[in-house]
Amino acid sequence: MLRLTKDESGLGRVFEGQEFIADIRYRVLTYANSGKIDFLDGSVLPTSGTGSVRIRISPRSSVSAYLGRRLTLHMNDGMKRDFYPSSPDGDGEAFGEPY
């Protein structure tokens, strides 16, 4: 099971490589693994891992034409996140670490 561990939002910019796409509002949601798997027989298996990082972009239309393409979110704190838009709703899946 995943649990929300970090919720960041702000104003940012989206690029594809060096090409500017749009000024946007973003929300970056970081989920971590809960740390265990409970089995029906009562046993518990410890787990590790970071889980996933979801990115939500608004306005949605700014990235909807880029589904499945590698984009970079430049966040208002100066950090960058690479992500793939995964739905026309402005949702995306981040990969790698922020830089």
C-alpha atoms as a PDB file:
ATOM      1  CA  MET A   1       0.000   0.000   0.000  1.00  0.00           C
ATOM      2  CA  LEU A   2       1.250   3.486  -0.843  1.00  0.00           C
ATOM      3  CA  ARG A   3       0.958   6.528   1.416  1.00  0.00           C
ATOM      4  CA  LEU A   4       1.371  10.185   0.543  1.00  0.00           C
ATOM      5  CA  THR A   5       4.644  11.497   1.972  1.00  0.00           C
ATOM      6  CA  LYS A   6       5.093  14.816   0.170  1.00  0.00           C
ATOM      7  CA  ASP A   7       2.751  17.274  -1.552  1.00  0.00           C
ATOM      8  CA  GLU A   8       4.347  20.200  -3.418  1.00  0.00           C
ATOM      9  CA  SER A   9       2.577  22.777  -5.542  1.00  0.00           C
ATOM     10  CA  GLY A  10       3.342  26.044  -7.242  1.00  0.00           C
ATOM     11  CA  LEU A  11       3.839  27.860 -10.511  1.00  0.00           C
ATOM     12  CA  GLY A  12       6.269  26.404 -12.998  1.00  0.00           C
ATOM     13  CA  ARG A  13       7.235  25.929 -16.612  1.00  0.00           C
ATOM     14  CA  VAL A  14       7.166  22.846 -18.815  1.00  0.00           C
ATOM     15  CA  PHE A  15       9.765  22.080 -21.475  1.00  0.00           C
ATOM     16  CA  GLU A  16      10.365  19.311 -24.002  1.00  0.00           C
ATOM     17  CA  GLY A  17      14.140  19.297 -24.214  1.00  0.00           C
ATOM     18  CA  GLN A  18      15.053  22.960 -24.771  1.00  0.00           C
ATOM     19  CA  GLU A  19      11.633  23.849 -26.228  1.00  0.00           C
ATOM     20  CA  PHE A  20       9.363  25.851 -23.912  1.00  0.00           C
ATOM     21  CA  ILE A  21       5.811  24.466 -23.825  1.00  0.00           C
ATOM     22  CA  ALA A  22       3.823  26.425 -21.223  1.00  0.00           C
ATOM     23  CA  ASP A  23       3.654  28.307 -17.949  1.00  0.00           C
ATOM     24  CA  ILE A  24       1.575  26.125 -15.636  1.00  0.00           C
ATOM     25  CA  ARG A  25       0.421  25.370 -12.121  1.00  0.00           C
ATOM     26  CA  TYR A  26       1.670  22.057 -10.789  1.00  0.00           C
ATOM     27  CA  ARG A  27       1.210  19.636  -7.963  1.00  0.00           C
ATOM     28  CA  VAL A  28       3.822  16.945  -7.258  1.00  0.00           C
ATOM     29  CA  LEU A  29       2.587  14.078  -5.086  1.00  0.00           C
ATOM     30  CA  THR A  30       5.192  11.670  -3.697  1.00  0.00           C
ATOM     31  CA  TYR A  31       4.001   8.292  -2.463  1.00  0.00           C
ATOM     32  CA  ALA A  32       6.100   5.839  -0.446  1.00  0.00           C
ATOM     33  CA  ASN A  33       5.683   2.147   0.089  1.00  0.00           C
ATOM     34  CA  SER A  34       3.883   1.461   3.372  1.00  0.00           C
ATOM     35  CA  GLY A  35       6.743  -0.756   4.523  1.00  0.00           C
ATOM     36  CA  LYS A  36       4.887  -4.049   4.869  1.00  0.00           C
ATOM     37  CA  ILE A  37       2.562  -6.487   3.187  1.00  0.00           C
ATOM     38  CA  ASP A  38       0.018  -8.207   5.433  1.00  0.00           C
ATOM     39  CA  PHE A  39      -1.031 -11.685   4.312  1.00  0.00           C
ATOM     40  CA  LEU A  40      -4.324 -13.397   5.110  1.00  0.00           C
ATOM     41  CA  ASP A  41      -2.507 -16.062   7.163  1.00  0.00           C
ATOM     42  CA  GLY A  42      -1.284 -13.331   9.563  1.00  0.00           C
ATOM     43  CA  SER A  43       2.298 -13.210   8.324  1.00  0.00           C
ATOM     44  CA  VAL A  44       3.930  -9.891   7.423  1.00  0.00           C
ATOM     45  CA  LEU A  45       6.545  -9.221   4.749  1.00  0.00           C
ATOM     46  CA  PRO A  46       8.604  -6.005   5.170  1.00  0.00           C
ATOM     47  CA  THR A  47       9.074  -4.068   1.935  1.00  0.00           C
ATOM     48  CA  SER A  48      11.065  -1.092   0.802  1.00  0.00           C
ATOM     49  CA  GLY A  49      10.992   1.315  -2.115  1.00  0.00           C
ATOM     50  CA  THR A  50       9.977   4.821  -2.892  1.00  0.00           C
ATOM     51  CA  GLY A  51       6.635   4.082  -4.494  1.00  0.00           C
ATOM     52  CA  SER A  52       5.760   6.648  -7.130  1.00  0.00           C
ATOM     53  CA  VAL A  53       5.692  10.343  -7.923  1.00  0.00           C
ATOM     54  CA  ARG A  54       2.629  11.763  -9.671  1.00  0.00           C
ATOM     55  CA  ILE A  55       2.528  15.183 -11.318  1.00  0.00           C
ATOM     56  CA  ARG A  56      -0.657  17.131 -12.008  1.00  0.00           C
ATOM     57  CA  ILE A  57      -0.499  20.009 -14.471  1.00  0.00           C
ATOM     58  CA  SER A  58      -3.020  22.821 -14.921  1.00  0.00           C
ATOM     59  CA  PRO A  59      -4.206  23.904 -17.389  1.00  0.00           C
ATOM     60  CA  ARG A  60      -4.543  20.331 -18.608  1.00  0.00           C
ATOM     61  CA  SER A  61      -4.534  21.393 -22.235  1.00  0.00           C
ATOM     62  CA  SER A  62      -0.924  22.587 -21.927  1.00  0.00           C
ATOM     63  CA  VAL A  63       0.406  18.998 -21.896  1.00  0.00           C
ATOM     64  CA  SER A  64      -2.436  16.953 -23.410  1.00  0.00           C
ATOM     65  CA  ALA A  65      -0.790  16.962 -26.868  1.00  0.00           C
ATOM     66  CA  TYR A  66       2.393  15.471 -25.363  1.00  0.00           C
ATOM     67  CA  LEU A  67       1.047  12.166 -23.993  1.00  0.00           C
ATOM     68  CA  GLY A  68       3.841   9.631 -23.510  1.00  0.00           C
ATOM     69  CA  ARG A  69       6.598  12.109 -24.366  1.00  0.00           C
ATOM     70  CA  ARG A  70       9.395  13.022 -21.963  1.00  0.00           C
ATOM     71  CA  LEU A  71       8.872  16.504 -20.518  1.00  0.00           C
ATOM     72  CA  THR A  72      10.634  18.479 -17.800  1.00  0.00           C
ATOM     73  CA  LEU A  73       8.848  20.464 -15.115  1.00  0.00           C
ATOM     74  CA  HIS A  74      10.824  23.491 -13.881  1.00  0.00           C
ATOM     75  CA  MET A  75       9.439  24.123 -10.391  1.00  0.00           C
ATOM     76  CA  ASN A  76       9.311  27.471  -8.572  1.00  0.00           C
ATOM     77  CA  ASP A  77      12.025  26.369  -6.097  1.00  0.00           C
ATOM     78  CA  GLY A  78      14.544  25.973  -8.952  1.00  0.00           C
ATOM     79  CA  MET A  79      14.344  22.165  -9.031  1.00  0.00           C
ATOM     80  CA  LYS A  80      13.400  20.151 -12.119  1.00  0.00           C
ATOM     81  CA  ARG A  81      11.440  16.897 -12.510  1.00  0.00           C
ATOM     82  CA  ASP A  82      11.279  14.752 -15.626  1.00  0.00           C
ATOM     83  CA  PHE A  83       7.888  13.195 -16.312  1.00  0.00           C
ATOM     84  CA  TYR A  84       5.651  11.586 -18.897  1.00  0.00           C
ATOM     85  CA  PRO A  85       2.106  12.936 -19.294  1.00  0.00           C
ATOM     86  CA  SER A  86      -0.080   9.858 -18.897  1.00  0.00           C
ATOM     87  CA  SER A  87      -3.587  11.226 -19.441  1.00  0.00           C
ATOM     88  CA  PRO A  88      -5.331  14.146 -21.157  1.00  0.00           C
ATOM     89  CA  ASP A  89      -6.368  15.259 -17.647  1.00  0.00           C
ATOM     90  CA  GLY A  90      -2.908  16.756 -17.054  1.00  0.00           C
ATOM     91  CA  ASP A  91      -1.670  13.835 -14.934  1.00  0.00           C
ATOM     92  CA  GLY A  92       1.831  12.455 -15.352  1.00  0.00           C
ATOM     93  CA  GLU A  93       4.282   9.997 -13.879  1.00  0.00           C
ATOM     94  CA  ALA A  94       7.649  11.374 -12.762  1.00  0.00           C
ATOM     95  CA  PHE A  95      10.833   9.350 -13.032  1.00  0.00           C
ATOM     96  CA  GLY A  96      14.308   9.778 -11.632  1.00  0.00           C
ATOM     97  CA  GLU A  97      15.196  12.154  -8.868  1.00  0.00           C
ATOM     98  CA  PRO A  98      14.636  15.927  -8.853  1.00  0.00           C
ATOM     99  CA  TYR A  99      17.680  17.895  -9.974  1.00  0.00           C
END
